[in-house]
């Protein structure tokens, strides 16, 4: 087992969000636990673009991910 990198986790999250069907309505999406690198919340499919934008911004600026010492693992 090789743990995923923060960048890899963000790419996986983006892929997941982008591929959830538009038929999904009022699905609460949360990634706001202390262990997550990027706190995100929204409703799918309404907030998909906003969520993907937040992920893209963090991928472009990896210094904005939650530091390891704050993840409480």
Protein backbone atom coordinates (compact mmCIF):
# COMPACT_ATOMS: atom_id res chain seq x y z
CA UNK A 1 0.00 0.00 0.00
CA UNK A 2 1.32 3.42 -0.97
CA UNK A 3 -0.56 6.35 0.56
CA UNK A 4 -1.91 8.85 -1.95
CA UNK A 5 -0.32 12.30 -2.11
CA UNK A 6 -2.38 15.42 -1.34
CA UNK A 7 -2.26 16.29 -5.04
CA UNK A 8 -3.46 12.81 -5.98
CA UNK A 9 -6.31 12.99 -3.47
CA UNK A 10 -7.46 16.31 -4.93
CA UNK A 11 -7.33 14.88 -8.46
CA UNK A 12 -9.42 11.89 -7.36
CA UNK A 13 -11.94 14.15 -5.64
CA UNK A 14 -12.20 16.31 -8.75
CA UNK A 15 -12.73 13.24 -10.94
CA UNK A 16 -15.46 11.99 -8.61
CA UNK A 17 -17.30 15.33 -8.54
CA UNK A 18 -17.04 15.84 -12.30
CA UNK A 19 -18.49 12.40 -13.01
CA UNK A 20 -21.47 12.36 -10.68
CA UNK A 21 -24.55 12.39 -12.89
CA UNK A 22 -26.47 15.62 -13.42
CA UNK A 23 -29.52 13.60 -12.41
CA UNK A 24 -28.28 13.74 -8.82
CA UNK A 25 -30.12 16.54 -7.06
CA UNK A 26 -29.68 17.88 -3.53
CA UNK A 27 -26.86 15.50 -2.69
CA UNK A 28 -24.90 16.97 0.20
CA UNK A 29 -21.16 16.74 -0.44
CA UNK A 30 -18.80 17.31 2.46
CA UNK A 31 -15.06 17.02 2.71
CA UNK A 32 -14.69 19.06 5.86
CA UNK A 33 -13.30 16.61 8.39
CA UNK A 34 -10.03 17.66 10.03
CA UNK A 35 -8.24 14.88 8.17
CA UNK A 36 -9.15 16.25 4.72
CA UNK A 37 -6.58 18.32 2.87
CA UNK A 38 -9.20 20.70 1.51
CA UNK A 39 -12.39 21.56 3.37
CA UNK A 40 -15.22 21.61 0.84
CA UNK A 41 -18.97 21.64 1.14
CA UNK A 42 -21.77 21.98 -1.33
CA UNK A 43 -24.79 20.38 -2.96
CA UNK A 44 -24.65 18.37 -6.14
CA UNK A 45 -25.29 18.95 -8.82
CA UNK A 46 -26.02 22.62 -8.06
CA UNK A 47 -22.55 23.48 -6.68
CA UNK A 48 -20.46 21.24 -8.94
CA UNK A 49 -18.73 24.10 -10.77
CA UNK A 50 -17.91 25.88 -7.51
CA UNK A 51 -16.48 22.72 -5.96
CA UNK A 52 -14.39 21.89 -9.03
CA UNK A 53 -13.15 25.49 -9.10
CA UNK A 54 -12.04 25.27 -5.45
CA UNK A 55 -10.20 22.04 -6.19
CA UNK A 56 -8.55 23.52 -9.29
CA UNK A 57 -7.42 26.59 -7.35
CA UNK A 58 -5.84 24.37 -4.72
CA UNK A 59 -4.17 22.20 -7.36
CA UNK A 60 -2.66 25.39 -8.81
CA UNK A 61 -1.62 26.57 -5.33
CA UNK A 62 -0.71 23.44 -3.35
CA UNK A 63 0.53 25.59 -0.49
CA UNK A 64 -3.17 26.03 0.37
CA UNK A 65 -3.77 22.40 1.38
CA UNK A 66 -4.27 21.75 5.07
CA UNK A 67 -0.83 21.09 6.60
CA UNK A 68 -0.15 17.59 7.90
CA UNK A 69 0.13 18.74 11.52
CA UNK A 70 -3.42 20.13 11.34
CA UNK A 71 -4.93 16.93 9.94
CA UNK A 72 -4.83 15.22 13.35
CA UNK A 73 -3.79 11.83 12.03
